[in-house]
Amino acid sequence: MWNEISPGTPMERRMYDETERMIKAYGNHPSFLLMSPSNEPAGQWKEALPKWVEHFRREDPRRLYTTGTGWSLIDAPGP
């Protein structure tokens, strides 16, 4: 997703819905080991994406989740 991802927006809801569909369809595939919702997010993504990671780590801990692959949360140390 390269869209604005801010808390409470339709795009945030779509991200959760799409993630759930992907896990349902591909969750048992052996090569599905990392999930990233965005490459270069816009909006208030620093508020929205860590919550997405926390949610899906609890829901389905079989894989790694990251807030993104383009921008990093350099001000938030840890995995």
PDB file of N, CA and C in Angstrom:
ATOM      1  N   MET A   1       0.839  -1.179   0.000  1.00  0.00           N
ATOM      2  CA  MET A   1       0.000   0.000   0.000  1.00  0.00           C
ATOM      3  C   MET A   1       0.878   1.234   0.000  1.00  0.00           C
ATOM      4  N   TRP A   2       0.598   2.148  -0.883  1.00  0.00           N
ATOM      5  CA  TRP A   2       1.306   3.428  -0.914  1.00  0.00           C
ATOM      6  C   TRP A   2       0.349   4.562  -0.565  1.00  0.00           C
ATOM      7  N   ASN A   3      -0.751   4.223   0.037  1.00  0.00           N
ATOM      8  CA  ASN A   3      -1.784   5.212   0.333  1.00  0.00           C
ATOM      9  C   ASN A   3      -1.579   5.795   1.717  1.00  0.00           C
ATOM     10  N   GLU A   4      -2.435   6.759   2.032  1.00  0.00           N
ATOM     11  CA  GLU A   4      -2.426   7.317   3.377  1.00  0.00           C
ATOM     12  C   GLU A   4      -2.994   6.282   4.332  1.00  0.00           C
ATOM     13  N   ILE A   5      -2.226   5.932   5.323  1.00  0.00           N
ATOM     14  CA  ILE A   5      -2.664   4.975   6.336  1.00  0.00           C
ATOM     15  C   ILE A   5      -2.648   5.704   7.668  1.00  0.00           C
ATOM     16  N   SER A   6      -3.811   6.144   8.084  1.00  0.00           N
ATOM     17  CA  SER A   6      -3.951   6.860   9.345  1.00  0.00           C
ATOM     18  C   SER A   6      -4.999   6.157  10.194  1.00  0.00           C
ATOM     19  N   PRO A   7      -4.908   6.274  11.523  1.00  0.00           N
ATOM     20  CA  PRO A   7      -5.877   5.616  12.393  1.00  0.00           C
ATOM     21  C   PRO A   7      -7.312   6.046  12.072  1.00  0.00           C
ATOM     22  N   GLY A   8      -8.198   5.053  12.020  1.00  0.00           N
ATOM     23  CA  GLY A   8      -9.614   5.334  11.833  1.00  0.00           C
ATOM     24  C   GLY A   8     -10.064   5.620  10.413  1.00  0.00           C
ATOM     25  N   THR A   9      -9.180   5.475   9.441  1.00  0.00           N
ATOM     26  CA  THR A   9      -9.544   5.779   8.059  1.00  0.00           C
ATOM     27  C   THR A   9     -10.027   4.518   7.338  1.00  0.00           C
ATOM     28  N   PRO A  10     -10.763   4.688   6.233  1.00  0.00           N
ATOM     29  CA  PRO A  10     -11.157   3.511   5.441  1.00  0.00           C
ATOM     30  C   PRO A  10      -9.954   2.707   4.949  1.00  0.00           C
ATOM     31  N   MET A  11      -8.859   3.365   4.659  1.00  0.00           N
ATOM     32  CA  MET A  11      -7.674   2.637   4.189  1.00  0.00           C
ATOM     33  C   MET A  11      -7.091   1.764   5.306  1.00  0.00           C
ATOM     34  N   GLU A  12      -7.133   2.233   6.524  1.00  0.00           N
ATOM     35  CA  GLU A  12      -6.665   1.400   7.628  1.00  0.00           C
ATOM     36  C   GLU A  12      -7.557   0.154   7.754  1.00  0.00           C
ATOM     37  N   ARG A  13      -8.869   0.340   7.658  1.00  0.00           N
ATOM     38  CA  ARG A  13      -9.792  -0.804   7.726  1.00  0.00           C
ATOM     39  C   ARG A  13      -9.523  -1.784   6.586  1.00  0.00           C
ATOM     40  N   ARG A  14      -9.295  -1.261   5.399  1.00  0.00           N
ATOM     41  CA  ARG A  14      -8.995  -2.113   4.244  1.00  0.00           C
ATOM     42  C   ARG A  14      -7.721  -2.923   4.492  1.00  0.00           C
ATOM     43  N   MET A  15      -6.724  -2.314   5.113  1.00  0.00           N
ATOM     44  CA  MET A  15      -5.468  -3.006   5.399  1.00  0.00           C
ATOM     45  C   MET A  15      -5.716  -4.205   6.321  1.00  0.00           C
ATOM     46  N   TYR A  16      -6.531  -4.023   7.360  1.00  0.00           N
ATOM     47  CA  TYR A  16      -6.858  -5.130   8.258  1.00  0.00           C
ATOM     48  C   TYR A  16      -7.651  -6.209   7.520  1.00  0.00           C
ATOM     49  N   ASP A  17      -8.651  -5.797   6.757  1.00  0.00           N
ATOM     50  CA  ASP A  17      -9.476  -6.763   6.020  1.00  0.00           C
ATOM     51  C   ASP A  17      -8.646  -7.560   5.027  1.00  0.00           C
ATOM     52  N   GLU A  18      -7.785  -6.880   4.297  1.00  0.00           N
ATOM     53  CA  GLU A  18      -6.956  -7.558   3.299  1.00  0.00           C
ATOM     54  C   GLU A  18      -5.950  -8.506   3.961  1.00  0.00           C
ATOM     55  N   THR A  19      -5.400  -8.099   5.083  1.00  0.00           N
ATOM     56  CA  THR A  19      -4.477  -8.971   5.811  1.00  0.00           C
ATOM     57  C   THR A  19      -5.186 -10.241   6.256  1.00  0.00           C
ATOM     58  N   GLU A  20      -6.389 -10.107   6.773  1.00  0.00           N
ATOM     59  CA  GLU A  20      -7.153 -11.278   7.198  1.00  0.00           C
ATOM     60  C   GLU A  20      -7.427 -12.207   6.022  1.00  0.00           C
ATOM     61  N   ARG A  21      -7.770 -11.639   4.854  1.00  0.00           N
ATOM     62  CA  ARG A  21      -8.004 -12.472   3.669  1.00  0.00           C
ATOM     63  C   ARG A  21      -6.724 -13.183   3.229  1.00  0.00           C
ATOM     64  N   MET A  22      -5.598 -12.486   3.289  1.00  0.00           N
ATOM     65  CA  MET A  22      -4.330 -13.099   2.879  1.00  0.00           C
ATOM     66  C   MET A  22      -3.938 -14.231   3.817  1.00  0.00           C
ATOM     67  N   ILE A  23      -4.119 -14.030   5.109  1.00  0.00           N
ATOM     68  CA  ILE A  23      -3.794 -15.079   6.067  1.00  0.00           C
ATOM     69  C   ILE A  23      -4.704 -16.286   5.862  1.00  0.00           C
ATOM     70  N   LYS A  24      -5.974 -16.035   5.602  1.00  0.00           N
ATOM     71  CA  LYS A  24      -6.909 -17.134   5.369  1.00  0.00           C
ATOM     72  C   LYS A  24      -6.521 -17.921   4.110  1.00  0.00           C
ATOM     73  N   ALA A  25      -6.141 -17.211   3.057  1.00  0.00           N
ATOM     74  CA  ALA A  25      -5.824 -17.865   1.791  1.00  0.00           C
ATOM     75  C   ALA A  25      -4.434 -18.504   1.779  1.00  0.00           C
ATOM     76  N   TYR A  26      -3.458 -17.849   2.365  1.00  0.00           N
ATOM     77  CA  TYR A  26      -2.068 -18.288   2.233  1.00  0.00           C
ATOM     78  C   TYR A  26      -1.388 -18.601   3.559  1.00  0.00           C
ATOM     79  N   GLY A  27      -2.118 -18.561   4.651  1.00  0.00           N
ATOM     80  CA  GLY A  27      -1.519 -18.699   5.978  1.00  0.00           C
ATOM     81  C   GLY A  27      -0.715 -19.953   6.213  1.00  0.00           C
ATOM     82  N   ASN A  28      -1.048 -21.037   5.525  1.00  0.00           N
ATOM     83  CA  ASN A  28      -0.321 -22.286   5.719  1.00  0.00           C
ATOM     84  C   ASN A  28       0.753 -22.527   4.670  1.00  0.00           C
ATOM     85  N   HIS A  29       0.962 -21.589   3.786  1.00  0.00           N
ATOM     86  CA  HIS A  29       1.987 -21.770   2.755  1.00  0.00           C
ATOM     87  C   HIS A  29       3.368 -21.601   3.388  1.00  0.00           C
ATOM     88  N   PRO A  30       4.288 -22.532   3.125  1.00  0.00           N
ATOM     89  CA  PRO A  30       5.591 -22.488   3.807  1.00  0.00           C
ATOM     90  C   PRO A  30       6.449 -21.273   3.471  1.00  0.00           C
ATOM     91  N   SER A  31       6.202 -20.626   2.351  1.00  0.00           N
ATOM     92  CA  SER A  31       7.029 -19.461   2.026  1.00  0.00           C
ATOM     93  C   SER A  31       6.450 -18.153   2.559  1.00  0.00           C
ATOM     94  N   PHE A  32       5.297 -18.205   3.197  1.00  0.00           N
ATOM     95  CA  PHE A  32       4.680 -17.000   3.762  1.00  0.00           C
ATOM     96  C   PHE A  32       5.232 -16.805   5.169  1.00  0.00           C
ATOM     97  N   LEU A  33       6.365 -16.108   5.257  1.00  0.00           N
ATOM     98  CA  LEU A  33       7.008 -15.956   6.552  1.00  0.00           C
ATOM     99  C   LEU A  33       7.127 -14.517   7.017  1.00  0.00           C
ATOM    100  N   LEU A  34       6.882 -13.554   6.141  1.00  0.00           N
ATOM    101  CA  LEU A  34       6.976 -12.143   6.507  1.00  0.00           C
ATOM    102  C   LEU A  34       5.807 -11.400   5.896  1.00  0.00           C
ATOM    103  N   MET A  35       5.211 -10.504   6.674  1.00  0.00           N
ATOM    104  CA  MET A  35       4.105  -9.695   6.180  1.00  0.00           C
ATOM    105  C   MET A  35       4.406  -8.231   6.456  1.00  0.00           C
ATOM    106  N   SER A  36       4.378  -7.439   5.405  1.00  0.00           N
ATOM    107  CA  SER A  36       4.591  -6.002   5.488  1.00  0.00           C
ATOM    108  C   SER A  36       3.437  -5.317   4.758  1.00  0.00           C
ATOM    109  N   PRO A  37       2.752  -4.368   5.398  1.00  0.00           N
ATOM    110  CA  PRO A  37       1.594  -3.759   4.766  1.00  0.00           C
ATOM    111  C   PRO A  37       1.914  -2.651   3.776  1.00  0.00           C
ATOM    112  N   SER A  38       3.135  -2.160   3.785  1.00  0.00           N
ATOM    113  CA  SER A  38       3.408  -0.979   2.977  1.00  0.00           C
ATOM    114  C   SER A  38       4.885  -0.849   2.659  1.00  0.00           C
ATOM    115  N   ASN A  39       5.150  -0.177   1.568  1.00  0.00           N
ATOM    116  CA  ASN A  39       6.517   0.133   1.189  1.00  0.00           C
ATOM    117  C   ASN A  39       6.842   1.576   1.581  1.00  0.00           C
ATOM    118  N   GLU A  40       6.010   2.484   1.181  1.00  0.00           N
ATOM    119  CA  GLU A  40       6.226   3.903   1.476  1.00  0.00           C
ATOM    120  C   GLU A  40       4.908   4.520   1.905  1.00  0.00           C
ATOM    121  N   PRO A  41       4.484   4.285   3.156  1.00  0.00           N
ATOM    122  CA  PRO A  41       3.189   4.784   3.599  1.00  0.00           C
ATOM    123  C   PRO A  41       3.167   6.300   3.758  1.00  0.00           C
ATOM    124  N   ALA A  42       1.978   6.836   3.715  1.00  0.00           N
ATOM    125  CA  ALA A  42       1.761   8.264   3.954  1.00  0.00           C
ATOM    126  C   ALA A  42       0.786   8.392   5.116  1.00  0.00           C
ATOM    127  N   GLY A  43       0.556   9.608   5.541  1.00  0.00           N
ATOM    128  CA  GLY A  43      -0.379   9.856   6.632  1.00  0.00           C
ATOM    129  C   GLY A  43       0.260   9.633   7.984  1.00  0.00           C
ATOM    130  N   GLN A  44      -0.571   9.311   8.947  1.00  0.00           N
ATOM    131  CA  GLN A  44      -0.105   9.082  10.317  1.00  0.00           C
ATOM    132  C   GLN A  44       0.219   7.604  10.515  1.00  0.00           C
ATOM    133  N   TRP A  45       1.050   7.086   9.649  1.00  0.00           N
ATOM    134  CA  TRP A  45       1.368   5.661   9.653  1.00  0.00           C
ATOM    135  C   TRP A  45       2.126   5.223  10.891  1.00  0.00           C
ATOM    136  N   LYS A  46       2.875   6.127  11.521  1.00  0.00           N
ATOM    137  CA  LYS A  46       3.615   5.757  12.731  1.00  0.00           C
ATOM    138  C   LYS A  46       2.668   5.446  13.890  1.00  0.00           C
ATOM    139  N   GLU A  47       1.438   5.930  13.817  1.00  0.00           N
ATOM    140  CA  GLU A  47       0.433   5.590  14.822  1.00  0.00           C
ATOM    141  C   GLU A  47      -0.324   4.326  14.428  1.00  0.00           C
ATOM    142  N   ALA A  48      -0.586   4.140  13.147  1.00  0.00           N
ATOM    143  CA  ALA A  48      -1.437   3.040  12.678  1.00  0.00           C
ATOM    144  C   ALA A  48      -0.693   1.709  12.523  1.00  0.00           C
ATOM    145  N   LEU A  49       0.468   1.712  11.923  1.00  0.00           N
ATOM    146  CA  LEU A  49       1.120   0.448  11.563  1.00  0.00           C
ATOM    147  C   LEU A  49       1.655  -0.350  12.749  1.00  0.00           C
ATOM    148  N   PRO A  50       2.221   0.260  13.784  1.00  0.00           N
ATOM    149  CA  PRO A  50       2.625  -0.558  14.938  1.00  0.00           C
ATOM    150  C   PRO A  50       1.438  -1.284  15.583  1.00  0.00           C
ATOM    151  N   LYS A  51       0.256  -0.656  15.571  1.00  0.00           N
ATOM    152  CA  LYS A  51      -0.940  -1.318  16.112  1.00  0.00           C
ATOM    153  C   LYS A  51      -1.338  -2.499  15.235  1.00  0.00           C
ATOM    154  N   TRP A  52      -1.186  -2.348  13.919  1.00  0.00           N
ATOM    155  CA  TRP A  52      -1.466  -3.447  12.996  1.00  0.00           C
ATOM    156  C   TRP A  52      -0.529  -4.621  13.292  1.00  0.00           C
ATOM    157  N   VAL A  53       0.763  -4.328  13.473  1.00  0.00           N
ATOM    158  CA  VAL A  53       1.745  -5.367  13.788  1.00  0.00           C
ATOM    159  C   VAL A  53       1.360  -6.085  15.078  1.00  0.00           C
ATOM    160  N   GLU A  54       1.061  -5.336  16.121  1.00  0.00           N
ATOM    161  CA  GLU A  54       0.689  -5.938  17.410  1.00  0.00           C
ATOM    162  C   GLU A  54      -0.546  -6.827  17.265  1.00  0.00           C
ATOM    163  N   HIS A  55      -1.540  -6.338  16.535  1.00  0.00           N
ATOM    164  CA  HIS A  55      -2.780  -7.082  16.353  1.00  0.00           C
ATOM    165  C   HIS A  55      -2.522  -8.430  15.686  1.00  0.00           C
ATOM    166  N   PHE A  56      -1.805  -8.432  14.572  1.00  0.00           N
ATOM    167  CA  PHE A  56      -1.608  -9.673  13.841  1.00  0.00           C
ATOM    168  C   PHE A  56      -0.554 -10.576  14.459  1.00  0.00           C
ATOM    169  N   ARG A  57       0.348 -10.046  15.251  1.00  0.00           N
ATOM    170  CA  ARG A  57       1.252 -10.919  16.007  1.00  0.00           C
ATOM    171  C   ARG A  57       0.461 -11.735  17.017  1.00  0.00           C
ATOM    172  N   ARG A  58      -0.568 -11.116  17.603  1.00  0.00           N
ATOM    173  CA  ARG A  58      -1.428 -11.841  18.541  1.00  0.00           C
ATOM    174  C   ARG A  58      -2.344 -12.819  17.805  1.00  0.00           C
ATOM    175  N   GLU A  59      -2.929 -12.369  16.706  1.00  0.00           N
ATOM    176  CA  GLU A  59      -3.895 -13.184  15.966  1.00  0.00           C
ATOM    177  C   GLU A  59      -3.249 -14.401  15.293  1.00  0.00           C
ATOM    178  N   ASP A  60      -2.086 -14.218  14.717  1.00  0.00           N
ATOM    179  CA  ASP A  60      -1.439 -15.296  13.964  1.00  0.00           C
ATOM    180  C   ASP A  60       0.077 -15.140  14.068  1.00  0.00           C
ATOM    181  N   PRO A  61       0.686 -15.713  15.106  1.00  0.00           N
ATOM    182  CA  PRO A  61       2.116 -15.528  15.349  1.00  0.00           C
ATOM    183  C   PRO A  61       3.029 -16.428  14.513  1.00  0.00           C
ATOM    184  N   ARG A  62       2.502 -17.068  13.472  1.00  0.00           N
ATOM    185  CA  ARG A  62       3.322 -17.986  12.677  1.00  0.00           C
ATOM    186  C   ARG A  62       4.353 -17.277  11.818  1.00  0.00           C
ATOM    187  N   ARG A  63       4.221 -15.994  11.627  1.00  0.00           N
ATOM    188  CA  ARG A  63       5.167 -15.287  10.749  1.00  0.00           C
ATOM    189  C   ARG A  63       5.639 -14.000  11.408  1.00  0.00           C
ATOM    190  N   LEU A  64       6.546 -13.345  10.744  1.00  0.00           N
ATOM    191  CA  LEU A  64       7.050 -12.047  11.198  1.00  0.00           C
ATOM    192  C   LEU A  64       6.200 -10.958  10.572  1.00  0.00           C
ATOM    193  N   TYR A  65       5.949  -9.914  11.326  1.00  0.00           N
ATOM    194  CA  TYR A  65       5.218  -8.749  10.836  1.00  0.00           C
ATOM    195  C   TYR A  65       6.109  -7.535  11.012  1.00  0.00           C
ATOM    196  N   THR A  66       6.072  -6.651  10.043  1.00  0.00           N
ATOM    197  CA  THR A  66       6.848  -5.419  10.111  1.00  0.00           C
ATOM    198  C   THR A  66       5.980  -4.255   9.665  1.00  0.00           C
ATOM    199  N   THR A  67       6.296  -3.073  10.148  1.00  0.00           N
ATOM    200  CA  THR A  67       5.489  -1.901   9.801  1.00  0.00           C
ATOM    201  C   THR A  67       5.677  -1.449   8.368  1.00  0.00           C
ATOM    202  N   GLY A  68       6.762  -1.863   7.743  1.00  0.00           N
ATOM    203  CA  GLY A  68       6.973  -1.472   6.359  1.00  0.00           C
ATOM    204  C   GLY A  68       8.329  -1.903   5.857  1.00  0.00           C
ATOM    205  N   THR A  69       8.513  -1.749   4.565  1.00  0.00           N
ATOM    206  CA  THR A  69       9.772  -2.135   3.957  1.00  0.00           C
ATOM    207  C   THR A  69      10.523  -0.947   3.365  1.00  0.00           C
ATOM    208  N   GLY A  70       9.911   0.227   3.388  1.00  0.00           N
ATOM    209  CA  GLY A  70      10.569   1.398   2.804  1.00  0.00           C
ATOM    210  C   GLY A  70      11.010   2.392   3.863  1.00  0.00           C
ATOM    211  N   TRP A  71      10.079   2.798   4.716  1.00  0.00           N
ATOM    212  CA  TRP A  71      10.389   3.731   5.795  1.00  0.00           C
ATOM    213  C   TRP A  71      10.559   2.910   7.064  1.00  0.00           C
ATOM    214  N   SER A  72      11.453   3.309   7.892  1.00  0.00           N
ATOM    215  CA  SER A  72      11.647   2.563   9.147  1.00  0.00           C
ATOM    216  C   SER A  72      11.176   3.394  10.330  1.00  0.00           C
ATOM    217  N   LEU A  73      10.944   2.710  11.432  1.00  0.00           N
ATOM    218  CA  LEU A  73      10.622   3.369  12.691  1.00  0.00           C
ATOM    219  C   LEU A  73      11.904   3.504  13.498  1.00  0.00           C
ATOM    220  N   ILE A  74      12.804   4.292  12.964  1.00  0.00           N
ATOM    221  CA  ILE A  74      14.136   4.397  13.555  1.00  0.00           C
ATOM    222  C   ILE A  74      14.104   4.940  14.988  1.00  0.00           C
ATOM    223  N   ASP A  75      13.029   5.664  15.320  1.00  0.00           N
ATOM    224  CA  ASP A  75      12.916   6.208  16.673  1.00  0.00           C
ATOM    225  C   ASP A  75      12.320   5.198  17.643  1.00  0.00           C
ATOM    226  N   ALA A  76      11.963   3.997  17.172  1.00  0.00           N
ATOM    227  CA  ALA A  76      11.415   2.945  18.035  1.00  0.00           C
ATOM    228  C   ALA A  76      12.355   1.738  17.980  1.00  0.00           C
ATOM    229  N   PRO A  77      13.297   1.632  18.899  1.00  0.00           N
ATOM    230  CA  PRO A  77      14.255   0.527  18.855  1.00  0.00           C
ATOM    231  C   PRO A  77      13.586  -0.811  19.137  1.00  0.00           C
ATOM    232  N   GLY A  78      14.223  -1.856  18.712  1.00  0.00           N
ATOM    233  CA  GLY A  78      13.725  -3.212  18.945  1.00  0.00           C
ATOM    234  C   GLY A  78      13.401  -3.891  17.627  1.00  0.00           C
ATOM    235  N   PRO A  79      12.923  -5.115  17.743  1.00  0.00           N
ATOM    236  CA  PRO A  79      12.642  -5.879  16.516  1.00  0.00           C
ATOM    237  C   PRO A  79      11.443  -5.336  15.751  1.00  0.00           C
TER     238      PRO A  79
END
